[in-house]
Each structure stands twice: as C-alpha cells, then as structure tokens.
C-alpha cells in the first residue's frame, strides 16, 4: 500500500512540475516551435520516448560540455524523444564528473590510437616556456581526448538506452503483475 502512495506522490509532483503542451503557447519565444513541440511523444512517458530521451541526453551531455541541455532538447524533437528526460539526463555531466570523464576519455583515446605516451619527448625538449609547454601538451592530447569522448559518449548513450528500456519493461511488468494479483 505504501508503494502505491509513493507512486501517487511522484505522479502528482511530476504533473505539477513537468510542462504541459498547453503552456508552450504562452511563451513568446517558444511560439515558433509550438507546432513541433506539440507532438505527444515529446511529453508523454512511454516505452519509446524514455529510452530515446535518455540516450540523447547522455550522449549530448558528454559530447557537448556547454549548453548541452538546450541542444539535447532540440535534438529530442526530431527524434521524437521525451524532451524533459533528454534535458535532465545531460545533468550527469557536471563540474564533479568532468575531470574523471576527460581523464577516462584520454586513456580510451590513447588505447584506441595506440599511443604509449601523450607527448613525444624529443619534440617536447624543443619547447621553452611554461605556456608553450602547456599548449604543446594540449595539442598532443587533443586527438586522443576527442576520440575518447566520442567513444565514451556512444558507449554511455547505448548503455543508457538499453538500461532505460529494460527498466521501463520491468516497471510495466511489475505494474501488470500487481494489477492481476489485485483483481
């Protein structure tokens, strides 16, 4: 019984805080996009829009470190994914998760490109000055980081899609079993 009370509280909170399709027309900046934003899959929680939103949000959040929430919401429209889920999943990337994520991307990129070290030591000896050394290191590390970020974003987006689709299926199955047991 407590479980159904909790789901009722969550459902009430979501209905109060998630924007409705009718509220889009009230905002002057959103009126040009109102036709596209009125698609039902963009706002309803269902077995197709949730995994798409999760995958888009995680992938865009990792690939694009700036304004990723807006970009994920815009990408969710043609993909018919849940806009709010896509925007919320970009929050996985934050100032606390970025350093380990970029370090992992560097290591993944080095492994994929078969780099033993980041900087060619012979070329680094000719660089003088701290700023020049830092710029040289960034130049040498940019390729492995870019490849690593692409790989990481793709892997996390696919994993997020699969886990959210599985989670949705398990949740619906649980609801059906409870309903049949109750009847």
N, C-alpha and C. Protein backbone atom coordinates (compact mmCIF):
# COMPACT_ATOMS: atom_id res chain seq x y z
N UNK A 1 0.81 -1.19 0.00
CA UNK A 1 0.00 0.00 0.00
C UNK A 1 0.86 1.26 0.00
N UNK A 2 1.98 1.20 0.74
CA UNK A 2 2.87 2.35 0.79
C UNK A 2 3.49 2.61 -0.58
N UNK A 3 3.69 1.55 -1.34
CA UNK A 3 4.28 1.69 -2.67
C UNK A 3 3.35 2.48 -3.60
N UNK A 4 2.04 2.21 -3.54
CA UNK A 4 1.11 2.94 -4.39
C UNK A 4 0.98 4.39 -3.92
N UNK A 5 1.11 4.64 -2.61
CA UNK A 5 1.07 6.01 -2.12
C UNK A 5 2.29 6.78 -2.60
N UNK A 6 3.46 6.13 -2.61
CA UNK A 6 4.67 6.78 -3.11
C UNK A 6 4.56 7.08 -4.60
N UNK A 7 4.02 6.13 -5.36
CA UNK A 7 3.89 6.39 -6.80
C UNK A 7 2.87 7.49 -7.06
N UNK A 8 1.85 7.61 -6.21
CA UNK A 8 0.89 8.71 -6.35
C UNK A 8 1.52 10.05 -6.07
N UNK A 9 2.40 10.10 -5.08
CA UNK A 9 3.10 11.34 -4.74
C UNK A 9 4.04 11.74 -5.88
N UNK A 10 4.76 10.76 -6.42
CA UNK A 10 5.67 11.04 -7.53
C UNK A 10 4.90 11.50 -8.75
N UNK A 11 3.79 10.84 -9.04
CA UNK A 11 2.96 11.22 -10.19
C UNK A 11 2.41 12.63 -10.02
N UNK A 12 1.97 12.98 -8.82
CA UNK A 12 1.45 14.33 -8.57
C UNK A 12 2.55 15.37 -8.71
N UNK A 13 3.75 15.06 -8.19
CA UNK A 13 4.86 16.01 -8.31
C UNK A 13 5.23 16.22 -9.77
N UNK A 14 5.30 15.11 -10.54
CA UNK A 14 5.63 15.23 -11.95
C UNK A 14 4.59 16.03 -12.72
N UNK A 15 3.32 15.81 -12.42
CA UNK A 15 2.27 16.54 -13.15
C UNK A 15 2.31 18.03 -12.83
N UNK A 16 2.76 18.39 -11.64
CA UNK A 16 2.86 19.81 -11.28
C UNK A 16 4.09 20.46 -11.90
N UNK A 17 5.19 19.72 -12.03
CA UNK A 17 6.44 20.33 -12.44
C UNK A 17 6.83 20.13 -13.90
N UNK A 18 6.34 19.09 -14.54
CA UNK A 18 6.62 18.92 -15.96
C UNK A 18 5.73 19.86 -16.76
N UNK A 19 6.29 20.56 -17.73
CA UNK A 19 5.46 21.46 -18.53
C UNK A 19 4.43 20.69 -19.36
N UNK A 20 3.32 21.30 -19.55
CA UNK A 20 2.25 20.71 -20.35
C UNK A 20 2.34 21.28 -21.77
N UNK A 21 1.74 20.56 -22.71
CA UNK A 21 1.76 21.05 -24.09
C UNK A 21 1.04 22.39 -24.23
N UNK A 22 0.03 22.61 -23.40
CA UNK A 22 -0.73 23.86 -23.49
C UNK A 22 0.10 25.06 -23.04
N UNK A 23 1.05 24.88 -22.16
CA UNK A 23 1.83 26.02 -21.66
C UNK A 23 2.85 26.53 -22.67
N UNK A 24 3.17 25.75 -23.68
CA UNK A 24 4.15 26.17 -24.68
C UNK A 24 3.68 27.41 -25.43
N UNK A 25 2.38 27.49 -25.70
CA UNK A 25 1.85 28.60 -26.48
C UNK A 25 1.88 29.91 -25.69
N UNK A 26 2.04 29.86 -24.40
CA UNK A 26 2.08 31.08 -23.58
C UNK A 26 3.40 31.83 -23.71
N UNK A 27 4.47 31.14 -24.05
CA UNK A 27 5.79 31.76 -24.13
C UNK A 27 6.07 32.25 -25.54
N UNK A 28 6.36 33.51 -25.64
CA UNK A 28 6.56 34.15 -26.93
C UNK A 28 7.73 33.53 -27.69
N UNK A 29 8.81 33.18 -27.00
CA UNK A 29 9.98 32.61 -27.68
C UNK A 29 9.73 31.19 -28.18
N UNK A 30 8.79 30.49 -27.56
CA UNK A 30 8.51 29.11 -27.97
C UNK A 30 7.41 29.01 -29.01
N UNK A 31 6.69 30.07 -29.27
CA UNK A 31 5.58 30.01 -30.23
C UNK A 31 6.00 29.52 -31.62
N UNK A 32 7.15 29.93 -32.16
CA UNK A 32 7.52 29.40 -33.49
C UNK A 32 7.72 27.88 -33.50
N UNK A 33 8.07 27.30 -32.35
CA UNK A 33 8.31 25.86 -32.26
C UNK A 33 7.11 25.11 -31.70
N UNK A 34 6.02 25.81 -31.44
CA UNK A 34 4.87 25.20 -30.77
C UNK A 34 4.31 24.02 -31.56
N UNK A 35 4.29 24.13 -32.88
CA UNK A 35 3.77 23.03 -33.70
C UNK A 35 4.61 21.77 -33.50
N UNK A 36 5.93 21.94 -33.51
CA UNK A 36 6.83 20.78 -33.34
C UNK A 36 6.80 20.27 -31.90
N UNK A 37 6.65 21.18 -30.96
CA UNK A 37 6.66 20.78 -29.55
C UNK A 37 5.33 20.21 -29.08
N UNK A 38 4.32 20.20 -29.92
CA UNK A 38 3.03 19.66 -29.51
C UNK A 38 2.88 18.18 -29.83
N UNK A 39 3.92 17.54 -30.32
CA UNK A 39 3.87 16.10 -30.57
C UNK A 39 3.74 15.35 -29.24
N UNK A 40 2.84 14.41 -29.17
CA UNK A 40 2.62 13.71 -27.89
C UNK A 40 3.84 12.98 -27.33
N UNK A 41 4.67 12.36 -28.19
CA UNK A 41 5.82 11.61 -27.68
C UNK A 41 6.85 12.49 -27.00
N UNK A 42 6.83 13.76 -27.28
CA UNK A 42 7.81 14.65 -26.66
C UNK A 42 7.52 14.89 -25.18
N UNK A 43 6.30 14.63 -24.74
CA UNK A 43 5.91 14.95 -23.36
C UNK A 43 5.44 13.73 -22.58
N UNK A 44 4.95 12.71 -23.26
CA UNK A 44 4.45 11.53 -22.56
C UNK A 44 5.59 10.58 -22.21
N UNK A 45 5.41 9.89 -21.13
CA UNK A 45 6.38 8.89 -20.71
C UNK A 45 5.92 7.54 -21.24
N UNK A 46 6.62 7.03 -22.25
CA UNK A 46 6.26 5.73 -22.80
C UNK A 46 7.51 4.94 -23.16
N UNK A 47 7.31 3.73 -23.65
CA UNK A 47 8.43 2.81 -23.87
C UNK A 47 9.37 3.24 -24.99
N UNK A 48 8.97 4.14 -25.83
CA UNK A 48 9.85 4.61 -26.91
C UNK A 48 10.51 5.94 -26.58
N UNK A 49 9.75 6.86 -26.01
CA UNK A 49 10.29 8.20 -25.80
C UNK A 49 11.28 8.26 -24.64
N UNK A 50 11.12 7.44 -23.63
CA UNK A 50 12.03 7.47 -22.48
C UNK A 50 13.44 7.00 -22.88
N UNK A 51 13.61 5.81 -23.47
CA UNK A 51 14.98 5.40 -23.83
C UNK A 51 15.63 6.35 -24.85
N UNK A 52 14.86 6.86 -25.77
CA UNK A 52 15.42 7.82 -26.73
C UNK A 52 15.91 9.08 -26.00
N UNK A 53 15.10 9.57 -25.08
CA UNK A 53 15.48 10.76 -24.32
C UNK A 53 16.73 10.52 -23.48
N UNK A 54 16.81 9.36 -22.86
CA UNK A 54 17.99 9.03 -22.04
C UNK A 54 19.24 8.97 -22.92
N UNK A 55 19.15 8.29 -24.05
CA UNK A 55 20.31 8.17 -24.93
C UNK A 55 20.74 9.52 -25.47
N UNK A 56 19.80 10.34 -25.89
CA UNK A 56 20.14 11.66 -26.42
C UNK A 56 20.74 12.52 -25.33
N UNK A 57 20.14 12.53 -24.15
CA UNK A 57 20.65 13.35 -23.06
C UNK A 57 22.04 12.96 -22.63
N UNK A 58 22.29 11.67 -22.49
CA UNK A 58 23.62 11.22 -22.07
C UNK A 58 24.66 11.48 -23.16
N UNK A 59 24.31 11.18 -24.40
CA UNK A 59 25.26 11.39 -25.49
C UNK A 59 25.61 12.85 -25.70
N UNK A 60 24.61 13.70 -25.76
CA UNK A 60 24.85 15.14 -25.96
C UNK A 60 25.55 15.74 -24.74
N UNK A 61 25.15 15.30 -23.55
CA UNK A 61 25.77 15.83 -22.33
C UNK A 61 27.26 15.57 -22.28
N UNK A 62 27.68 14.43 -22.79
CA UNK A 62 29.11 14.11 -22.78
C UNK A 62 29.84 14.77 -23.95
N UNK A 63 29.23 14.78 -25.12
CA UNK A 63 29.89 15.35 -26.30
C UNK A 63 30.04 16.86 -26.23
N UNK A 64 29.01 17.53 -25.74
CA UNK A 64 28.99 18.99 -25.78
C UNK A 64 28.97 19.50 -24.34
N UNK A 65 30.08 20.07 -23.86
CA UNK A 65 30.13 20.48 -22.45
C UNK A 65 29.40 21.79 -22.14
N UNK A 66 29.02 22.55 -23.16
CA UNK A 66 28.38 23.84 -22.94
C UNK A 66 27.00 23.84 -23.59
N UNK A 67 26.00 24.34 -22.90
CA UNK A 67 24.62 24.44 -23.39
C UNK A 67 24.07 23.09 -23.83
N UNK A 68 24.49 22.03 -23.18
CA UNK A 68 24.06 20.71 -23.59
C UNK A 68 22.58 20.46 -23.32
N UNK A 69 22.00 21.13 -22.36
CA UNK A 69 20.59 20.93 -22.05
C UNK A 69 19.71 21.42 -23.21
N UNK A 70 20.02 22.59 -23.71
CA UNK A 70 19.25 23.16 -24.82
C UNK A 70 19.43 22.33 -26.09
N UNK A 71 20.66 21.94 -26.36
CA UNK A 71 20.94 21.16 -27.57
C UNK A 71 20.26 19.79 -27.50
N UNK A 72 20.29 19.16 -26.32
CA UNK A 72 19.62 17.86 -26.17
C UNK A 72 18.11 18.00 -26.37
N UNK A 73 17.52 19.06 -25.85
CA UNK A 73 16.08 19.28 -26.04
C UNK A 73 15.76 19.50 -27.51
N UNK A 74 16.61 20.23 -28.22
CA UNK A 74 16.38 20.46 -29.65
C UNK A 74 16.57 19.18 -30.48
N UNK A 75 17.53 18.36 -30.11
CA UNK A 75 17.75 17.10 -30.82
C UNK A 75 16.62 16.11 -30.53
N UNK A 76 16.02 16.21 -29.35
CA UNK A 76 14.93 15.30 -28.98
C UNK A 76 13.68 15.51 -29.83
N UNK A 77 13.49 16.70 -30.36
CA UNK A 77 12.28 16.99 -31.14
C UNK A 77 12.21 16.13 -32.40
N UNK A 78 13.21 16.16 -33.30
CA UNK A 78 13.08 15.31 -34.49
C UNK A 78 13.20 13.82 -34.19
N UNK A 79 13.84 13.48 -33.06
CA UNK A 79 13.99 12.07 -32.69
C UNK A 79 12.74 11.52 -32.00
N UNK A 80 11.76 12.38 -31.73
CA UNK A 80 10.52 12.01 -31.04
C UNK A 80 10.82 11.38 -29.67
N UNK A 81 11.78 12.00 -28.98
CA UNK A 81 12.15 11.55 -27.64
C UNK A 81 11.52 12.49 -26.63
N UNK A 82 11.44 12.06 -25.38
CA UNK A 82 10.91 12.90 -24.33
C UNK A 82 11.88 14.04 -24.07
N UNK A 83 11.42 15.26 -24.25
CA UNK A 83 12.27 16.45 -24.16
C UNK A 83 12.80 16.63 -22.74
N UNK A 84 11.94 16.47 -21.76
CA UNK A 84 12.36 16.68 -20.37
C UNK A 84 13.38 15.63 -19.92
N UNK A 85 13.19 14.40 -20.32
CA UNK A 85 14.14 13.34 -19.96
C UNK A 85 15.49 13.61 -20.63
N UNK A 86 15.47 14.02 -21.90
CA UNK A 86 16.71 14.33 -22.60
C UNK A 86 17.46 15.47 -21.91
N UNK A 87 16.73 16.51 -21.54
CA UNK A 87 17.37 17.64 -20.86
C UNK A 87 17.88 17.24 -19.48
N UNK A 88 17.13 16.44 -18.76
CA UNK A 88 17.53 16.05 -17.41
C UNK A 88 18.74 15.12 -17.43
N UNK A 89 18.85 14.27 -18.43
CA UNK A 89 19.98 13.32 -18.48
C UNK A 89 21.30 14.00 -18.80
N UNK A 90 21.27 15.23 -19.29
CA UNK A 90 22.53 15.94 -19.51
C UNK A 90 23.17 16.36 -18.20
N UNK A 91 22.40 16.34 -17.12
CA UNK A 91 22.94 16.75 -15.82
C UNK A 91 23.93 15.75 -15.24
N UNK A 92 24.11 14.61 -15.89
CA UNK A 92 25.12 13.66 -15.46
C UNK A 92 26.50 14.30 -15.58
N UNK A 93 26.66 15.16 -16.57
CA UNK A 93 27.93 15.86 -16.75
C UNK A 93 27.86 17.16 -15.96
N UNK A 94 28.71 17.26 -14.96
CA UNK A 94 28.78 18.45 -14.12
C UNK A 94 30.22 18.67 -13.72
N UNK A 95 30.53 19.74 -13.02
CA UNK A 95 31.93 20.00 -12.67
C UNK A 95 32.61 18.88 -11.87
N UNK A 96 31.84 18.07 -11.16
CA UNK A 96 32.44 16.98 -10.40
C UNK A 96 32.76 15.77 -11.28
N UNK A 97 31.98 15.54 -12.31
CA UNK A 97 32.19 14.37 -13.15
C UNK A 97 33.07 14.65 -14.37
N UNK A 98 33.31 15.92 -14.69
CA UNK A 98 34.09 16.22 -15.89
C UNK A 98 35.56 15.80 -15.81
N UNK A 99 36.29 16.08 -14.73
CA UNK A 99 37.70 15.65 -14.72
C UNK A 99 37.88 14.14 -14.87
N UNK A 100 37.14 13.29 -14.11
CA UNK A 100 37.34 11.86 -14.35
C UNK A 100 36.87 11.42 -15.73
N UNK A 101 35.84 12.09 -16.26
CA UNK A 101 35.34 11.72 -17.57
C UNK A 101 36.38 12.04 -18.65
N UNK A 102 37.00 13.22 -18.57
CA UNK A 102 38.00 13.58 -19.57
C UNK A 102 39.28 12.76 -19.41
N UNK A 103 39.62 12.39 -18.18
CA UNK A 103 40.77 11.51 -17.98
C UNK A 103 40.50 10.14 -18.59
N UNK A 104 39.28 9.62 -18.36
CA UNK A 104 38.91 8.33 -18.96
C UNK A 104 38.91 8.44 -20.49
N UNK A 105 38.43 9.57 -21.01
CA UNK A 105 38.42 9.77 -22.46
C UNK A 105 39.85 9.81 -23.01
N UNK A 106 40.76 10.42 -22.27
CA UNK A 106 42.16 10.46 -22.70
C UNK A 106 42.73 9.05 -22.75
N UNK A 107 42.49 8.26 -21.71
CA UNK A 107 43.02 6.89 -21.67
C UNK A 107 42.39 6.02 -22.75
N UNK A 108 41.09 6.17 -22.97
CA UNK A 108 40.41 5.41 -24.04
C UNK A 108 40.95 5.81 -25.40
N UNK A 109 41.12 7.11 -25.62
CA UNK A 109 41.66 7.60 -26.89
C UNK A 109 43.08 7.14 -27.13
N UNK A 110 43.91 7.15 -26.07
CA UNK A 110 45.28 6.65 -26.21
C UNK A 110 45.28 5.17 -26.57
N UNK A 111 44.41 4.42 -25.95
CA UNK A 111 44.33 2.99 -26.24
C UNK A 111 43.87 2.76 -27.68
N UNK A 112 42.85 3.54 -28.11
CA UNK A 112 42.34 3.37 -29.48
C UNK A 112 43.35 3.79 -30.54
N UNK A 113 44.10 4.84 -30.25
CA UNK A 113 45.09 5.33 -31.22
C UNK A 113 46.45 4.66 -31.05
N UNK A 114 46.57 3.76 -30.09
CA UNK A 114 47.81 3.03 -29.80
C UNK A 114 48.94 3.99 -29.43
N UNK A 115 48.61 5.02 -28.62
CA UNK A 115 49.63 5.95 -28.12
C UNK A 115 50.20 5.39 -26.83
N UNK A 116 51.53 5.31 -26.75
CA UNK A 116 52.15 4.88 -25.50
C UNK A 116 52.21 6.04 -24.51
N UNK A 117 52.51 7.21 -25.00
CA UNK A 117 52.59 8.40 -24.16
C UNK A 117 51.89 9.54 -24.85
N UNK A 118 51.60 10.57 -24.11
CA UNK A 118 50.89 11.70 -24.69
C UNK A 118 51.83 12.54 -25.54
N UNK A 119 52.99 12.86 -24.99
CA UNK A 119 53.86 13.84 -25.63
C UNK A 119 55.11 13.13 -26.16
N UNK A 120 55.46 13.46 -27.37
CA UNK A 120 56.72 12.99 -27.94
C UNK A 120 57.84 13.73 -27.20
N UNK A 121 58.65 13.01 -26.46
CA UNK A 121 59.64 13.65 -25.59
C UNK A 121 60.69 14.43 -26.39
N UNK A 122 61.08 13.95 -27.57
CA UNK A 122 62.07 14.69 -28.36
C UNK A 122 61.52 16.02 -28.81
N UNK A 123 60.24 16.05 -29.22
CA UNK A 123 59.64 17.31 -29.65
C UNK A 123 59.40 18.22 -28.45
N UNK A 124 59.13 17.67 -27.29
CA UNK A 124 58.85 18.47 -26.11
C UNK A 124 60.09 19.17 -25.60
N UNK A 125 61.29 18.61 -25.87
CA UNK A 125 62.52 19.23 -25.40
C UNK A 125 62.77 20.57 -26.08
N UNK A 126 62.25 20.75 -27.27
CA UNK A 126 62.49 21.98 -28.02
C UNK A 126 61.54 23.10 -27.63
N UNK A 127 60.54 22.82 -26.84
CA UNK A 127 59.57 23.83 -26.45
C UNK A 127 60.05 24.49 -25.17
N UNK A 128 60.07 25.81 -25.16
CA UNK A 128 60.52 26.52 -23.96
C UNK A 128 59.37 27.36 -23.42
N UNK A 129 59.42 27.60 -22.15
CA UNK A 129 58.38 28.41 -21.51
C UNK A 129 57.22 27.54 -21.05
N UNK A 130 56.65 27.90 -19.92
CA UNK A 130 55.55 27.10 -19.35
C UNK A 130 54.29 27.14 -20.22
N UNK A 131 53.94 28.32 -20.72
CA UNK A 131 52.74 28.44 -21.56
C UNK A 131 52.90 27.62 -22.83
N UNK A 132 54.08 27.68 -23.44
CA UNK A 132 54.31 26.91 -24.66
C UNK A 132 54.26 25.42 -24.40
N UNK A 133 54.78 24.98 -23.25
CA UNK A 133 54.72 23.56 -22.90
C UNK A 133 53.28 23.11 -22.70
N UNK A 134 52.49 23.95 -22.02
CA UNK A 134 51.09 23.60 -21.78
C UNK A 134 50.32 23.53 -23.10
N UNK A 135 50.55 24.50 -23.99
CA UNK A 135 49.87 24.49 -25.29
C UNK A 135 50.33 23.29 -26.13
N UNK A 136 51.60 22.93 -26.04
CA UNK A 136 52.10 21.76 -26.76
C UNK A 136 51.44 20.49 -26.22
N UNK A 137 51.30 20.38 -24.90
CA UNK A 137 50.65 19.20 -24.30
C UNK A 137 49.19 19.12 -24.73
N UNK A 138 48.48 20.26 -24.72
CA UNK A 138 47.08 20.27 -25.15
C UNK A 138 46.97 19.84 -26.61
N UNK A 139 47.88 20.32 -27.42
CA UNK A 139 47.87 19.94 -28.83
C UNK A 139 48.10 18.44 -29.00
N UNK A 140 49.03 17.88 -28.24
CA UNK A 140 49.32 16.45 -28.33
C UNK A 140 48.19 15.60 -27.77
N UNK A 141 47.47 16.08 -26.75
CA UNK A 141 46.43 15.29 -26.10
C UNK A 141 45.06 15.46 -26.75
N UNK A 142 44.90 16.45 -27.62
CA UNK A 142 43.57 16.73 -28.17
C UNK A 142 43.03 15.59 -29.02
N UNK A 143 43.86 14.93 -29.79
CA UNK A 143 43.39 13.82 -30.63
C UNK A 143 42.87 12.65 -29.81
N UNK A 144 43.65 12.14 -28.84
CA UNK A 144 43.14 11.04 -28.02
C UNK A 144 41.90 11.43 -27.20
N UNK A 145 41.85 12.65 -26.72
CA UNK A 145 40.68 13.07 -25.94
C UNK A 145 39.44 13.12 -26.83
N UNK A 146 39.58 13.65 -28.04
CA UNK A 146 38.43 13.74 -28.96
C UNK A 146 37.91 12.35 -29.33
N UNK A 147 38.81 11.44 -29.65
CA UNK A 147 38.39 10.07 -29.98
C UNK A 147 37.78 9.40 -28.75
N UNK A 148 38.38 9.61 -27.59
CA UNK A 148 37.88 9.02 -26.36
C UNK A 148 36.51 9.54 -25.97
N UNK A 149 36.28 10.84 -26.15
CA UNK A 149 34.97 11.42 -25.82
C UNK A 149 33.90 10.86 -26.74
N UNK A 150 34.20 10.74 -28.03
CA UNK A 150 33.23 10.15 -28.95
C UNK A 150 32.89 8.71 -28.57
N UNK A 151 33.90 7.94 -28.24
CA UNK A 151 33.68 6.55 -27.84
C UNK A 151 32.90 6.47 -26.54
N UNK A 152 33.28 7.29 -25.57
CA UNK A 152 32.61 7.31 -24.28
C UNK A 152 31.15 7.72 -24.42
N UNK A 153 30.89 8.76 -25.22
CA UNK A 153 29.51 9.23 -25.42
C UNK A 153 28.66 8.16 -26.07
N UNK A 154 29.19 7.51 -27.08
CA UNK A 154 28.43 6.46 -27.76
C UNK A 154 28.16 5.29 -26.83
N UNK A 155 29.17 4.86 -26.09
CA UNK A 155 29.00 3.72 -25.19
C UNK A 155 28.00 4.03 -24.08
N UNK A 156 28.08 5.21 -23.50
CA UNK A 156 27.17 5.57 -22.41
C UNK A 156 25.75 5.78 -22.93
N UNK A 157 25.61 6.35 -24.12
CA UNK A 157 24.27 6.55 -24.69
C UNK A 157 23.60 5.21 -25.00
N UNK A 158 24.35 4.26 -25.57
CA UNK A 158 23.79 2.94 -25.87
C UNK A 158 23.45 2.21 -24.58
N UNK A 159 24.32 2.30 -23.59
CA UNK A 159 24.05 1.66 -22.30
C UNK A 159 22.83 2.28 -21.63
N UNK A 160 22.73 3.61 -21.66
CA UNK A 160 21.57 4.30 -21.08
C UNK A 160 20.28 3.91 -21.78
N UNK A 161 20.33 3.80 -23.10
CA UNK A 161 19.14 3.38 -23.85
C UNK A 161 18.70 1.99 -23.42
N UNK A 162 19.67 1.06 -23.39
CA UNK A 162 19.33 -0.34 -23.05
C UNK A 162 18.82 -0.45 -21.62
N UNK A 163 19.47 0.22 -20.68
CA UNK A 163 19.05 0.13 -19.28
C UNK A 163 17.69 0.78 -19.04
N UNK A 164 17.44 1.91 -19.70
CA UNK A 164 16.14 2.56 -19.50
C UNK A 164 15.02 1.77 -20.17
N UNK A 165 15.29 1.15 -21.32
CA UNK A 165 14.28 0.30 -21.96
C UNK A 165 13.99 -0.92 -21.09
N UNK A 166 15.04 -1.52 -20.54
CA UNK A 166 14.86 -2.66 -19.65
C UNK A 166 14.14 -2.25 -18.36
N UNK A 167 14.53 -1.12 -17.81
CA UNK A 167 13.87 -0.62 -16.60
C UNK A 167 12.40 -0.33 -16.83
N UNK A 168 12.08 0.26 -17.98
CA UNK A 168 10.68 0.53 -18.31
C UNK A 168 9.90 -0.78 -18.42
N UNK A 169 10.48 -1.75 -19.10
CA UNK A 169 9.81 -3.05 -19.28
C UNK A 169 9.58 -3.74 -17.94
N UNK A 170 10.57 -3.71 -17.06
CA UNK A 170 10.41 -4.32 -15.74
C UNK A 170 9.35 -3.60 -14.92
N UNK A 171 9.34 -2.27 -15.00
CA UNK A 171 8.36 -1.50 -14.24
C UNK A 171 6.94 -1.79 -14.72
N UNK A 172 6.74 -1.84 -16.04
CA UNK A 172 5.41 -2.14 -16.59
C UNK A 172 5.00 -3.57 -16.23
N UNK A 173 5.94 -4.51 -16.31
CA UNK A 173 5.63 -5.88 -15.92
C UNK A 173 5.24 -5.98 -14.45
N UNK A 174 5.94 -5.24 -13.60
CA UNK A 174 5.61 -5.21 -12.18
C UNK A 174 4.21 -4.65 -11.96
N UNK A 175 3.88 -3.57 -12.67
CA UNK A 175 2.54 -2.96 -12.54
C UNK A 175 1.46 -3.95 -13.00
N UNK A 176 1.70 -4.68 -14.09
CA UNK A 176 0.72 -5.65 -14.58
C UNK A 176 0.54 -6.81 -13.60
N UNK A 177 1.65 -7.30 -13.05
CA UNK A 177 1.54 -8.39 -12.06
C UNK A 177 0.78 -7.94 -10.83
N UNK A 178 1.03 -6.73 -10.37
CA UNK A 178 0.28 -6.20 -9.21
C UNK A 178 -1.19 -6.04 -9.53
N UNK A 179 -1.48 -5.60 -10.74
CA UNK A 179 -2.88 -5.40 -11.14
C UNK A 179 -3.61 -6.73 -11.23
N UNK A 180 -2.98 -7.75 -11.82
CA UNK A 180 -3.63 -9.05 -11.93
C UNK A 180 -3.77 -9.72 -10.57
N UNK A 181 -2.80 -9.52 -9.67
CA UNK A 181 -2.89 -10.09 -8.32
C UNK A 181 -4.02 -9.41 -7.54
N UNK A 182 -4.21 -8.15 -7.77
CA UNK A 182 -5.26 -7.39 -7.08
C UNK A 182 -6.64 -7.82 -7.58
N UNK A 183 -6.76 -8.08 -8.88
CA UNK A 183 -8.06 -8.49 -9.44
C UNK A 183 -8.31 -9.92 -9.12
